[in-house]
């Protein structure tokens, strides 16, 4: 462990991170900044839809100013939208020019802005579909919303928007699959209780944690990104030590810091 990793409120703790891509992981970075040793495991992987034709057609309609709003409920949607925008000869920023954009939370909003997209609505408080729906403006005239989402996404937002009078075109932007089997040394460390904590960023990561590694051994601190992830973890019988108040990498790590303090996990 480096000297940097030995400082901070989580010093000495090994923490499982459900890393889904090969890009720098913001949760792992936040953990390292707090002194923890991230143990990244590909619990989930995201892939484009098998047939992107419908998504491409709706993106072309987006570029033709057919929609009043684009709503993005996951940062994982962005690489797919950017890739498909390129396939239709444009960029996401160009396609959404003149269309209002909503993001489910600050992390998704930040990713959109980094892609050159102006964000018009981010819910206050909890980053969730319920919070976004609660703060969504009332329909006026012939408003239409484009809602790309994961194949396993809840219908709550789309159904709620329709109930409020909006026309909504929802389309699968990506599929969520179980990740690759973990390395043998990771499996052994998990089973032996040598990993102190695990962070869950979606219901899918909770399910695949059980499938790929098994239930957390006694004493493992499990923290969830938000209430829906917590509900799925508890449904699976996973004890939850903390839930992020802010659905961001920093908020998730802060939940672990608080859980560790409550359990008196002093830095080593």
Protein backbone atom coordinates (compact mmCIF):
# COMPACT_ATOMS: atom_id res chain seq x y z
CA UNK A 1 0.00 0.00 0.00
CA UNK A 2 1.31 3.44 -0.87
CA UNK A 3 1.99 6.14 1.68
CA UNK A 4 -0.95 8.09 0.28
CA UNK A 5 -3.29 5.13 0.83
CA UNK A 6 -2.28 4.96 4.50
CA UNK A 7 -3.88 8.33 5.33
CA UNK A 8 -7.53 9.24 5.69
CA UNK A 9 -10.70 8.10 7.47
CA UNK A 10 -10.71 4.75 5.63
CA UNK A 11 -7.02 3.98 5.99
CA UNK A 12 -6.28 0.28 5.98
CA UNK A 13 -9.69 -0.78 4.68
CA UNK A 14 -10.02 -2.88 1.54
CA UNK A 15 -13.21 -1.95 -0.30
CA UNK A 16 -14.88 -3.80 -3.17
CA UNK A 17 -15.91 -1.48 -6.02
CA UNK A 18 -18.26 -2.70 -8.78
CA UNK A 19 -16.21 -1.24 -11.56
CA UNK A 20 -17.97 -1.70 -14.90
CA UNK A 21 -15.48 -0.22 -17.37
CA UNK A 22 -11.77 0.12 -17.99
CA UNK A 23 -11.94 3.90 -17.59
CA UNK A 24 -10.76 5.61 -14.38
CA UNK A 25 -13.46 4.87 -11.83
CA UNK A 26 -14.62 7.89 -9.78
CA UNK A 27 -15.67 5.71 -6.84
CA UNK A 28 -12.24 4.06 -6.69
CA UNK A 29 -10.60 7.49 -6.90
CA UNK A 30 -12.74 8.82 -4.04
CA UNK A 31 -11.92 5.74 -1.96
CA UNK A 32 -8.19 6.14 -2.52
CA UNK A 33 -8.46 9.80 -1.50
CA UNK A 34 -10.04 8.64 1.78
CA UNK A 35 -7.17 6.21 2.37
CA UNK A 36 -8.88 2.96 1.37
CA UNK A 37 -7.56 0.28 -0.96
CA UNK A 38 -10.12 -0.20 -3.78
CA UNK A 39 -10.63 -3.76 -4.97
CA UNK A 40 -12.31 -3.37 -8.35
CA UNK A 41 -14.55 -6.17 -9.58
CA UNK A 42 -16.57 -6.13 -12.78
CA UNK A 43 -19.89 -7.12 -11.23
CA UNK A 44 -21.77 -5.67 -14.21
CA UNK A 45 -21.02 -4.72 -17.76
CA UNK A 46 -23.09 -2.57 -20.09
CA UNK A 47 -23.48 -3.20 -23.82
CA UNK A 48 -25.50 -1.46 -26.56
CA UNK A 49 -28.87 -2.91 -27.63
CA UNK A 50 -28.68 -5.83 -30.02
CA UNK A 51 -30.47 -3.76 -32.67
CA UNK A 52 -29.85 0.00 -32.32
CA UNK A 53 -32.17 0.95 -35.20
CA UNK A 54 -34.94 2.34 -32.98
CA UNK A 55 -32.47 4.32 -30.89
CA UNK A 56 -30.85 5.76 -34.02
CA UNK A 57 -34.23 6.78 -35.44
CA UNK A 58 -35.22 8.55 -32.22
CA UNK A 59 -31.88 10.35 -32.07
CA UNK A 60 -32.49 11.63 -35.59
CA UNK A 61 -35.89 12.86 -34.42
CA UNK A 62 -34.15 14.52 -31.47
CA UNK A 63 -31.86 16.34 -33.88
CA UNK A 64 -34.93 17.49 -35.84
CA UNK A 65 -36.32 19.20 -32.69
CA UNK A 66 -39.13 16.67 -32.35
CA UNK A 67 -38.75 16.48 -28.57
CA UNK A 68 -39.32 19.05 -25.85
CA UNK A 69 -37.13 17.17 -23.37
CA UNK A 70 -34.40 14.55 -23.26
CA UNK A 71 -34.25 12.82 -19.88
CA UNK A 72 -31.08 10.95 -18.87
CA UNK A 73 -31.41 8.72 -15.83
CA UNK A 74 -27.96 7.12 -15.82
CA UNK A 75 -24.42 8.12 -16.69
CA UNK A 76 -24.07 4.77 -18.44
CA UNK A 77 -26.48 6.06 -21.10
CA UNK A 78 -24.09 8.75 -22.28
CA UNK A 79 -21.37 6.69 -24.03
CA UNK A 80 -24.07 4.86 -25.97
CA UNK A 81 -25.85 8.07 -26.99
CA UNK A 82 -22.55 9.63 -28.01
CA UNK A 83 -21.60 6.57 -30.04
CA UNK A 84 -24.95 6.36 -31.81
CA UNK A 85 -24.91 10.12 -32.46
CA UNK A 86 -21.60 9.62 -34.23
CA UNK A 87 -23.12 6.77 -36.24
CA UNK A 88 -25.84 9.09 -37.53
CA UNK A 89 -23.26 11.72 -38.44
CA UNK A 90 -23.55 14.11 -35.54
CA UNK A 91 -22.64 14.64 -31.89
CA UNK A 92 -24.91 14.42 -28.86
CA UNK A 93 -24.44 18.14 -28.18
CA UNK A 94 -25.57 18.96 -31.72
CA UNK A 95 -28.57 16.65 -31.54
CA UNK A 96 -29.91 18.16 -28.32
CA UNK A 97 -29.40 21.79 -29.34
CA UNK A 98 -32.74 23.49 -28.74
CA UNK A 99 -34.08 20.64 -26.59
CA UNK A 100 -34.28 20.85 -22.80
CA UNK A 101 -32.29 18.20 -20.93
CA UNK A 102 -32.95 16.66 -17.53
CA UNK A 103 -30.45 14.58 -15.53
CA UNK A 104 -31.31 12.27 -12.66
CA UNK A 105 -28.57 13.69 -10.43
CA UNK A 106 -25.40 15.79 -10.23
CA UNK A 107 -23.04 13.05 -11.42
CA UNK A 108 -25.09 12.47 -14.58
CA UNK A 109 -25.45 16.22 -15.07
CA UNK A 110 -21.69 16.66 -14.79
CA UNK A 111 -21.10 13.95 -17.40
CA UNK A 112 -23.59 15.62 -19.74
CA UNK A 113 -21.90 18.99 -19.37
CA UNK A 114 -18.53 17.40 -20.06
CA UNK A 115 -20.05 16.17 -23.32
CA UNK A 116 -21.03 19.74 -24.17
CA UNK A 117 -24.71 19.33 -23.29
CA UNK A 118 -26.54 22.05 -21.36
CA UNK A 119 -28.57 20.61 -18.46
CA UNK A 120 -31.83 22.35 -17.58
CA UNK A 121 -33.17 20.22 -14.72
CA UNK A 122 -31.47 18.29 -11.92
CA UNK A 123 -33.66 17.23 -8.97
CA UNK A 124 -32.88 18.67 -5.58
CA UNK A 125 -32.05 16.19 -2.84
CA UNK A 126 -32.06 12.49 -3.71
CA UNK A 127 -30.84 11.53 -7.17
CA UNK A 128 -33.67 9.26 -8.20
CA UNK A 129 -36.41 8.85 -10.75
CA UNK A 130 -38.96 9.60 -8.01
CA UNK A 131 -37.29 12.94 -7.17
CA UNK A 132 -37.03 13.85 -10.85
CA UNK A 133 -40.70 13.04 -11.39
CA UNK A 134 -41.71 15.07 -8.34
CA UNK A 135 -39.97 18.17 -9.70
CA UNK A 136 -40.91 17.72 -13.37
CA UNK A 137 -42.83 20.66 -14.86
CA UNK A 138 -46.46 20.21 -15.82
CA UNK A 139 -47.22 19.35 -19.42
CA UNK A 140 -48.24 22.28 -21.59
CA UNK A 141 -49.41 21.89 -25.14
CA UNK A 142 -47.91 19.04 -27.16
CA UNK A 143 -44.85 18.28 -25.07
CA UNK A 144 -42.90 15.13 -25.95
CA UNK A 145 -40.05 13.49 -24.04
CA UNK A 146 -37.31 11.13 -25.20
CA UNK A 147 -36.32 8.75 -22.41
CA UNK A 148 -33.44 6.38 -23.25
CA UNK A 149 -32.82 3.86 -20.48
CA UNK A 150 -31.33 0.54 -19.43
CA UNK A 151 -33.13 -2.66 -20.29
CA UNK A 152 -33.68 -3.32 -16.55
CA UNK A 153 -34.78 0.21 -15.65
CA UNK A 154 -37.90 0.78 -13.56
CA UNK A 155 -40.99 2.03 -15.41
CA UNK A 156 -41.78 4.51 -12.64
CA UNK A 157 -40.48 7.63 -14.33
CA UNK A 158 -41.90 6.92 -17.78
CA UNK A 159 -45.30 5.90 -16.40
CA UNK A 160 -45.34 8.90 -14.08
CA UNK A 161 -44.56 11.34 -16.89
CA UNK A 162 -47.33 9.87 -19.03
CA UNK A 163 -49.75 10.12 -16.12
CA UNK A 164 -48.91 13.84 -15.97
CA UNK A 165 -49.93 14.34 -19.58
CA UNK A 166 -46.59 14.05 -21.37
CA UNK A 167 -46.03 12.03 -24.52
CA UNK A 168 -43.01 9.82 -23.85
CA UNK A 169 -40.92 7.78 -26.29
CA UNK A 170 -38.85 5.39 -24.23
CA UNK A 171 -36.15 3.25 -25.78
CA UNK A 172 -33.51 0.81 -24.53
CA UNK A 173 -30.12 2.51 -24.84
CA UNK A 174 -28.05 -0.22 -23.22
CA UNK A 175 -28.27 -3.67 -21.69
CA UNK A 176 -26.89 -4.55 -18.27
CA UNK A 177 -25.20 -7.95 -18.08
CA UNK A 178 -23.37 -9.86 -15.39
CA UNK A 179 -19.66 -9.17 -15.39
CA UNK A 180 -16.79 -11.58 -15.88
CA UNK A 181 -15.92 -14.07 -13.09
CA UNK A 182 -13.65 -12.38 -10.51
CA UNK A 183 -10.00 -13.34 -10.21
CA UNK A 184 -9.38 -16.34 -7.89
CA UNK A 185 -7.44 -14.18 -5.42
CA UNK A 186 -10.40 -11.80 -5.13
CA UNK A 187 -12.80 -14.67 -4.53
CA UNK A 188 -10.49 -16.07 -1.88
CA UNK A 189 -10.11 -12.70 -0.15
CA UNK A 190 -13.88 -12.18 -0.15
CA UNK A 191 -14.63 -15.63 1.26
CA UNK A 192 -11.95 -15.21 3.93
CA UNK A 193 -13.36 -11.87 5.10
CA UNK A 194 -10.23 -10.02 4.00
CA UNK A 195 -12.27 -7.37 2.19
CA UNK A 196 -13.69 -4.95 4.75
CA UNK A 197 -16.47 -3.29 2.79
CA UNK A 198 -18.40 -3.29 -0.48
CA UNK A 199 -20.06 -0.44 -2.35
CA UNK A 200 -23.17 -1.12 -4.42
CA UNK A 201 -24.13 1.31 -7.18
CA UNK A 202 -27.31 -0.34 -8.49
CA UNK A 203 -29.68 -3.19 -7.87
CA UNK A 204 -27.82 -5.11 -10.58
CA UNK A 205 -24.54 -4.88 -8.66
CA UNK A 206 -26.29 -6.27 -5.58
CA UNK A 207 -27.66 -9.24 -7.53
CA UNK A 208 -24.41 -9.99 -9.29
CA UNK A 209 -22.41 -9.66 -6.09
CA UNK A 210 -24.37 -12.62 -4.75
CA UNK A 211 -24.06 -14.53 -8.02
CA UNK A 212 -20.34 -13.95 -8.57
CA UNK A 213 -18.93 -13.82 -5.03
CA UNK A 214 -21.66 -14.96 -2.66
CA UNK A 215 -23.19 -13.17 0.36
CA UNK A 216 -20.95 -10.78 2.28
CA UNK A 217 -19.11 -12.50 5.15
CA UNK A 218 -19.96 -11.27 8.66
CA UNK A 219 -18.51 -7.84 9.41
CA UNK A 220 -18.36 -6.60 5.82
CA UNK A 221 -19.75 -3.06 5.62
CA UNK A 222 -22.07 -2.72 2.64
CA UNK A 223 -23.06 0.77 1.52
CA UNK A 224 -25.53 1.61 -1.25
CA UNK A 225 -25.75 4.54 -3.65
CA UNK A 226 -29.43 5.16 -2.93
CA UNK A 227 -32.74 3.86 -1.59
CA UNK A 228 -33.64 1.65 -4.57
CA UNK A 229 -30.26 -0.10 -4.40
CA UNK A 230 -30.68 -0.49 -0.65
CA UNK A 231 -34.13 -2.05 -1.14
CA UNK A 232 -32.77 -4.60 -3.61
CA UNK A 233 -29.81 -5.42 -1.36
CA UNK A 234 -32.09 -6.01 1.62
CA UNK A 235 -34.42 -8.11 -0.53
CA UNK A 236 -31.42 -10.33 -1.29
CA UNK A 237 -30.60 -10.61 2.41
CA UNK A 238 -27.56 -8.32 2.28
CA UNK A 239 -27.14 -6.29 5.50
CA UNK A 240 -26.78 -2.59 4.63
CA UNK A 241 -24.54 -0.43 6.83
CA UNK A 242 -25.12 2.88 5.06
CA UNK A 243 -26.87 4.67 2.21
CA UNK A 244 -25.46 7.70 0.40
CA UNK A 245 -27.29 10.94 1.11
CA UNK A 246 -25.91 12.36 -2.13
CA UNK A 247 -25.98 9.90 -5.03
CA UNK A 248 -22.44 10.67 -6.17
CA UNK A 249 -19.10 8.85 -5.78
CA UNK A 250 -18.15 11.23 -2.97
CA UNK A 251 -21.52 10.72 -1.29
CA UNK A 252 -21.18 6.94 -1.46
CA UNK A 253 -17.70 7.05 0.05
CA UNK A 254 -18.92 9.42 2.77
CA UNK A 255 -21.63 6.89 3.66
CA UNK A 256 -18.89 4.31 4.14
CA UNK A 257 -16.84 6.73 6.24
CA UNK A 258 -19.83 7.23 8.53
CA UNK A 259 -20.59 3.49 8.67
CA UNK A 260 -16.95 2.73 9.52
CA UNK A 261 -17.00 5.34 12.28
CA UNK A 262 -20.22 3.89 13.69
CA UNK A 263 -18.69 0.40 13.68
CA UNK A 264 -15.50 1.82 15.19
CA UNK A 265 -13.35 0.71 12.26
CA UNK A 266 -10.38 2.82 13.25
CA UNK A 267 -7.67 3.46 10.64
CA UNK A 268 -4.90 0.88 10.78
